[in-house]
């Protein structure tokens, strides 16, 4: 019996510092590449969400 692997897609690779793609699975692949590239998420002190530096948070423009 042979296995048909045509249903499986290849994983996209993302450059470090690029904006996140649309889609749940694609975002996780993007986040993995950002982490491997040395970027880390930081927690917004206002809303508590974790974001990479290039992801815009509505609270990030507030002056502390």
PDB file of N, CA and C in Angstrom:
ATOM      1  N   UNK A   1       0.846  -1.178   0.000  1.00  0.00           N
ATOM      2  CA  UNK A   1       0.000   0.000   0.000  1.00  0.00           C
ATOM      3  C   UNK A   1       0.891   1.241   0.000  1.00  0.00           C
ATOM      4  N   UNK A   2       0.616   2.156  -0.863  1.00  0.00           N
ATOM      5  CA  UNK A   2       1.394   3.390  -0.923  1.00  0.00           C
ATOM      6  C   UNK A   2       0.583   4.530  -0.340  1.00  0.00           C
ATOM      7  N   UNK A   3       1.287   5.488   0.186  1.00  0.00           N
ATOM      8  CA  UNK A   3       0.637   6.643   0.788  1.00  0.00           C
ATOM      9  C   UNK A   3       0.654   7.800  -0.208  1.00  0.00           C
ATOM     10  N   UNK A   4      -0.474   8.455  -0.350  1.00  0.00           N
ATOM     11  CA  UNK A   4      -0.582   9.608  -1.224  1.00  0.00           C
ATOM     12  C   UNK A   4      -0.369  10.871  -0.380  1.00  0.00           C
ATOM     13  N   UNK A   5       0.780  11.514  -0.550  1.00  0.00           N
ATOM     14  CA  UNK A   5       1.109  12.705   0.231  1.00  0.00           C
ATOM     15  C   UNK A   5       0.731  13.997  -0.485  1.00  0.00           C
ATOM     16  N   UNK A   6      -0.047  13.910  -1.537  1.00  0.00           N
ATOM     17  CA  UNK A   6      -0.397  15.118  -2.279  1.00  0.00           C
ATOM     18  C   UNK A   6      -1.353  16.017  -1.509  1.00  0.00           C
ATOM     19  N   UNK A   7      -1.980  15.509  -0.467  1.00  0.00           N
ATOM     20  CA  UNK A   7      -2.905  16.316   0.338  1.00  0.00           C
ATOM     21  C   UNK A   7      -2.174  17.247   1.307  1.00  0.00           C
ATOM     22  N   UNK A   8      -0.897  16.980   1.561  1.00  0.00           N
ATOM     23  CA  UNK A   8      -0.142  17.778   2.511  1.00  0.00           C
ATOM     24  C   UNK A   8       0.526  18.935   1.786  1.00  0.00           C
ATOM     25  N   UNK A   9       0.447  20.116   2.385  1.00  0.00           N
ATOM     26  CA  UNK A   9       1.077  21.291   1.789  1.00  0.00           C
ATOM     27  C   UNK A   9       2.405  21.548   2.481  1.00  0.00           C
ATOM     28  N   UNK A  10       3.262  22.265   1.809  1.00  0.00           N
ATOM     29  CA  UNK A  10       4.539  22.615   2.412  1.00  0.00           C
ATOM     30  C   UNK A  10       4.361  23.847   3.289  1.00  0.00           C
ATOM     31  N   UNK A  11       5.218  23.970   4.259  1.00  0.00           N
ATOM     32  CA  UNK A  11       5.153  25.065   5.214  1.00  0.00           C
ATOM     33  C   UNK A  11       5.807  26.296   4.617  1.00  0.00           C
ATOM     34  N   UNK A  12       5.155  27.462   4.766  1.00  0.00           N
ATOM     35  CA  UNK A  12       5.740  28.725   4.340  1.00  0.00           C
ATOM     36  C   UNK A  12       6.763  29.174   5.382  1.00  0.00           C
ATOM     37  N   UNK A  13       7.802  29.834   4.927  1.00  0.00           N
ATOM     38  CA  UNK A  13       8.796  30.403   5.834  1.00  0.00           C
ATOM     39  C   UNK A  13       8.712  31.919   5.738  1.00  0.00           C
ATOM     40  N   UNK A  14       8.835  32.562   6.883  1.00  0.00           N
ATOM     41  CA  UNK A  14       8.654  34.006   6.970  1.00  0.00           C
ATOM     42  C   UNK A  14       9.945  34.661   7.442  1.00  0.00           C
ATOM     43  N   UNK A  15      10.271  35.808   6.859  1.00  0.00           N
ATOM     44  CA  UNK A  15      11.446  36.565   7.274  1.00  0.00           C
ATOM     45  C   UNK A  15      11.189  37.209   8.632  1.00  0.00           C
ATOM     46  N   UNK A  16      12.248  37.338   9.406  1.00  0.00           N
ATOM     47  CA  UNK A  16      12.142  37.957  10.722  1.00  0.00           C
ATOM     48  C   UNK A  16      11.823  39.436  10.552  1.00  0.00           C
ATOM     49  N   UNK A  17      10.850  39.912  11.296  1.00  0.00           N
ATOM     50  CA  UNK A  17      10.470  41.319  11.263  1.00  0.00           C
ATOM     51  C   UNK A  17       9.334  41.641  10.311  1.00  0.00           C
ATOM     52  N   UNK A  18       8.817  40.643   9.600  1.00  0.00           N
ATOM     53  CA  UNK A  18       7.706  40.897   8.689  1.00  0.00           C
ATOM     54  C   UNK A  18       6.399  40.955   9.470  1.00  0.00           C
ATOM     55  N   UNK A  19       5.401  41.542   8.863  1.00  0.00           N
ATOM     56  CA  UNK A  19       4.083  41.616   9.496  1.00  0.00           C
ATOM     57  C   UNK A  19       3.416  40.243   9.478  1.00  0.00           C
ATOM     58  N   UNK A  20       2.542  39.978  10.440  1.00  0.00           N
ATOM     59  CA  UNK A  20       1.907  38.660  10.512  1.00  0.00           C
ATOM     60  C   UNK A  20       0.920  38.436   9.369  1.00  0.00           C
ATOM     61  N   UNK A  21       0.822  37.199   8.903  1.00  0.00           N
ATOM     62  CA  UNK A  21      -0.137  36.880   7.839  1.00  0.00           C
ATOM     63  C   UNK A  21      -1.535  36.691   8.409  1.00  0.00           C
ATOM     64  N   UNK A  22      -2.511  36.655   7.530  1.00  0.00           N
ATOM     65  CA  UNK A  22      -3.881  36.363   7.937  1.00  0.00           C
ATOM     66  C   UNK A  22      -4.015  34.847   8.069  1.00  0.00           C
ATOM     67  N   UNK A  23      -4.836  34.423   8.983  1.00  0.00           N
ATOM     68  CA  UNK A  23      -5.082  32.999   9.157  1.00  0.00           C
ATOM     69  C   UNK A  23      -4.426  32.460  10.415  1.00  0.00           C
ATOM     70  N   UNK A  24      -5.116  31.545  11.053  1.00  0.00           N
ATOM     71  CA  UNK A  24      -4.687  30.995  12.336  1.00  0.00           C
ATOM     72  C   UNK A  24      -3.409  30.169  12.207  1.00  0.00           C
ATOM     73  N   UNK A  25      -3.399  29.210  11.301  1.00  0.00           N
ATOM     74  CA  UNK A  25      -2.252  28.319  11.160  1.00  0.00           C
ATOM     75  C   UNK A  25      -1.049  29.089  10.629  1.00  0.00           C
ATOM     76  N   UNK A  26      -1.262  29.951   9.656  1.00  0.00           N
ATOM     77  CA  UNK A  26      -0.169  30.743   9.092  1.00  0.00           C
ATOM     78  C   UNK A  26       0.460  31.635  10.162  1.00  0.00           C
ATOM     79  N   UNK A  27      -0.354  32.181  11.069  1.00  0.00           N
ATOM     80  CA  UNK A  27       0.188  33.029  12.127  1.00  0.00           C
ATOM     81  C   UNK A  27       1.127  32.229  13.015  1.00  0.00           C
ATOM     82  N   UNK A  28       0.784  30.996  13.323  1.00  0.00           N
ATOM     83  CA  UNK A  28       1.636  30.176  14.190  1.00  0.00           C
ATOM     84  C   UNK A  28       2.958  29.834  13.516  1.00  0.00           C
ATOM     85  N   UNK A  29       2.949  29.570  12.223  1.00  0.00           N
ATOM     86  CA  UNK A  29       4.197  29.356  11.489  1.00  0.00           C
ATOM     87  C   UNK A  29       5.030  30.633  11.485  1.00  0.00           C
ATOM     88  N   UNK A  30       4.372  31.772  11.277  1.00  0.00           N
ATOM     89  CA  UNK A  30       5.053  33.055  11.299  1.00  0.00           C
ATOM     90  C   UNK A  30       5.669  33.318  12.681  1.00  0.00           C
ATOM     91  N   UNK A  31       4.901  33.070  13.732  1.00  0.00           N
ATOM     92  CA  UNK A  31       5.388  33.301  15.093  1.00  0.00           C
ATOM     93  C   UNK A  31       6.576  32.399  15.417  1.00  0.00           C
ATOM     94  N   UNK A  32       6.549  31.174  14.950  1.00  0.00           N
ATOM     95  CA  UNK A  32       7.672  30.262  15.160  1.00  0.00           C
ATOM     96  C   UNK A  32       8.939  30.803  14.494  1.00  0.00           C
ATOM     97  N   UNK A  33       8.811  31.315  13.271  1.00  0.00           N
ATOM     98  CA  UNK A  33       9.965  31.875  12.573  1.00  0.00           C
ATOM     99  C   UNK A  33      10.471  33.142  13.256  1.00  0.00           C
ATOM    100  N   UNK A  34       9.569  33.957  13.805  1.00  0.00           N
ATOM    101  CA  UNK A  34       9.986  35.161  14.521  1.00  0.00           C
ATOM    102  C   UNK A  34      10.771  34.775  15.768  1.00  0.00           C
ATOM    103  N   UNK A  35      10.301  33.766  16.479  1.00  0.00           N
ATOM    104  CA  UNK A  35      10.965  33.317  17.702  1.00  0.00           C
ATOM    105  C   UNK A  35      12.336  32.727  17.387  1.00  0.00           C
ATOM    106  N   UNK A  36      12.412  31.924  16.323  1.00  0.00           N
ATOM    107  CA  UNK A  36      13.697  31.355  15.918  1.00  0.00           C
ATOM    108  C   UNK A  36      14.669  32.448  15.500  1.00  0.00           C
ATOM    109  N   UNK A  37      14.163  33.567  14.993  1.00  0.00           N
ATOM    110  CA  UNK A  37      14.994  34.693  14.585  1.00  0.00           C
ATOM    111  C   UNK A  37      15.426  35.587  15.737  1.00  0.00           C
ATOM    112  N   UNK A  38      14.974  35.311  16.936  1.00  0.00           N
ATOM    113  CA  UNK A  38      15.416  36.066  18.106  1.00  0.00           C
ATOM    114  C   UNK A  38      14.418  37.066  18.652  1.00  0.00           C
ATOM    115  N   UNK A  39      13.275  37.236  17.999  1.00  0.00           N
ATOM    116  CA  UNK A  39      12.268  38.158  18.514  1.00  0.00           C
ATOM    117  C   UNK A  39      11.451  37.475  19.611  1.00  0.00           C
ATOM    118  N   UNK A  40      11.036  38.254  20.583  1.00  0.00           N
ATOM    119  CA  UNK A  40      10.219  37.733  21.670  1.00  0.00           C
ATOM    120  C   UNK A  40       8.983  38.605  21.835  1.00  0.00           C
ATOM    121  N   UNK A  41       7.917  37.992  22.277  1.00  0.00           N
ATOM    122  CA  UNK A  41       6.698  38.731  22.545  1.00  0.00           C
ATOM    123  C   UNK A  41       6.823  39.461  23.873  1.00  0.00           C
ATOM    124  N   UNK A  42       6.132  40.601  23.949  1.00  0.00           N
ATOM    125  CA  UNK A  42       6.058  41.360  25.193  1.00  0.00           C
ATOM    126  C   UNK A  42       4.592  41.590  25.512  1.00  0.00           C
ATOM    127  N   UNK A  43       4.294  41.613  26.802  1.00  0.00           N
ATOM    128  CA  UNK A  43       2.916  41.785  27.240  1.00  0.00           C
ATOM    129  C   UNK A  43       2.584  43.263  27.366  1.00  0.00           C
ATOM    130  N   UNK A  44       1.462  43.655  26.774  1.00  0.00           N
ATOM    131  CA  UNK A  44       0.985  45.035  26.884  1.00  0.00           C
ATOM    132  C   UNK A  44       0.527  45.253  28.324  1.00  0.00           C
ATOM    133  N   UNK A  45       1.025  46.290  28.978  1.00  0.00           N
ATOM    134  CA  UNK A  45       0.624  46.514  30.367  1.00  0.00           C
ATOM    135  C   UNK A  45      -0.832  46.947  30.514  1.00  0.00           C
ATOM    136  N   UNK A  46      -1.435  47.450  29.445  1.00  0.00           N
ATOM    137  CA  UNK A  46      -2.811  47.925  29.521  1.00  0.00           C
ATOM    138  C   UNK A  46      -3.816  46.805  29.297  1.00  0.00           C
ATOM    139  N   UNK A  47      -3.681  46.083  28.167  1.00  0.00           N
ATOM    140  CA  UNK A  47      -4.686  45.076  27.832  1.00  0.00           C
ATOM    141  C   UNK A  47      -4.250  43.656  28.193  1.00  0.00           C
ATOM    142  N   UNK A  48      -2.955  43.442  28.426  1.00  0.00           N
ATOM    143  CA  UNK A  48      -2.469  42.133  28.827  1.00  0.00           C
ATOM    144  C   UNK A  48      -2.201  41.171  27.675  1.00  0.00           C
ATOM    145  N   UNK A  49      -2.395  41.612  26.418  1.00  0.00           N
ATOM    146  CA  UNK A  49      -2.132  40.740  25.281  1.00  0.00           C
ATOM    147  C   UNK A  49      -0.639  40.658  25.010  1.00  0.00           C
ATOM    148  N   UNK A  50      -0.193  39.486  24.514  1.00  0.00           N
ATOM    149  CA  UNK A  50       1.203  39.288  24.154  1.00  0.00           C
ATOM    150  C   UNK A  50       1.355  39.547  22.667  1.00  0.00           C
ATOM    151  N   UNK A  51       2.309  40.408  22.294  1.00  0.00           N
ATOM    152  CA  UNK A  51       2.516  40.791  20.899  1.00  0.00           C
ATOM    153  C   UNK A  51       4.004  40.808  20.580  1.00  0.00           C
ATOM    154  N   UNK A  52       4.321  40.497  19.312  1.00  0.00           N
ATOM    155  CA  UNK A  52       5.679  40.701  18.821  1.00  0.00           C
ATOM    156  C   UNK A  52       5.859  42.186  18.554  1.00  0.00           C
ATOM    157  N   UNK A  53       7.108  42.673  18.497  1.00  0.00           N
ATOM    158  CA  UNK A  53       7.325  44.117  18.308  1.00  0.00           C
ATOM    159  C   UNK A  53       6.661  44.697  17.064  1.00  0.00           C
ATOM    160  N   UNK A  54       6.604  43.950  15.964  1.00  0.00           N
ATOM    161  CA  UNK A  54       6.033  44.499  14.728  1.00  0.00           C
ATOM    162  C   UNK A  54       4.509  44.423  14.690  1.00  0.00           C
ATOM    163  N   UNK A  55       3.901  43.752  15.639  1.00  0.00           N
ATOM    164  CA  UNK A  55       2.437  43.721  15.716  1.00  0.00           C
ATOM    165  C   UNK A  55       1.967  44.970  16.463  1.00  0.00           C
ATOM    166  N   UNK A  56       1.092  45.706  15.855  1.00  0.00           N
ATOM    167  CA  UNK A  56       0.619  46.944  16.460  1.00  0.00           C
ATOM    168  C   UNK A  56      -0.426  46.662  17.543  1.00  0.00           C
ATOM    169  N   UNK A  57      -0.267  47.301  18.665  1.00  0.00           N
ATOM    170  CA  UNK A  57      -1.263  47.246  19.737  1.00  0.00           C
ATOM    171  C   UNK A  57      -1.798  48.654  19.914  1.00  0.00           C
ATOM    172  N   UNK A  58      -3.088  48.785  20.070  1.00  0.00           N
ATOM    173  CA  UNK A  58      -3.677  50.118  20.184  1.00  0.00           C
ATOM    174  C   UNK A  58      -3.165  50.866  21.405  1.00  0.00           C
ATOM    175  N   UNK A  59      -2.629  50.142  22.360  1.00  0.00           N
ATOM    176  CA  UNK A  59      -2.122  50.792  23.569  1.00  0.00           C
ATOM    177  C   UNK A  59      -0.645  51.159  23.458  1.00  0.00           C
ATOM    178  N   UNK A  60       0.039  50.656  22.441  1.00  0.00           N
ATOM    179  CA  UNK A  60       1.483  50.885  22.334  1.00  0.00           C
ATOM    180  C   UNK A  60       1.825  52.326  22.013  1.00  0.00           C
ATOM    181  N   UNK A  61       0.882  53.084  21.494  1.00  0.00           N
ATOM    182  CA  UNK A  61       1.157  54.479  21.172  1.00  0.00           C
ATOM    183  C   UNK A  61       0.954  55.404  22.367  1.00  0.00           C
ATOM    184  N   UNK A  62       0.395  54.876  23.464  1.00  0.00           N
ATOM    185  CA  UNK A  62       0.159  55.697  24.654  1.00  0.00           C
ATOM    186  C   UNK A  62       1.491  56.036  25.312  1.00  0.00           C
ATOM    187  N   UNK A  63       1.621  57.261  25.768  1.00  0.00           N
ATOM    188  CA  UNK A  63       2.840  57.697  26.440  1.00  0.00           C
ATOM    189  C   UNK A  63       2.752  57.267  27.894  1.00  0.00           C
ATOM    190  N   UNK A  64       3.785  56.593  28.353  1.00  0.00           N
ATOM    191  CA  UNK A  64       3.791  56.098  29.729  1.00  0.00           C
ATOM    192  C   UNK A  64       4.331  57.134  30.688  1.00  0.00           C
TER     193      UNK A  64
END
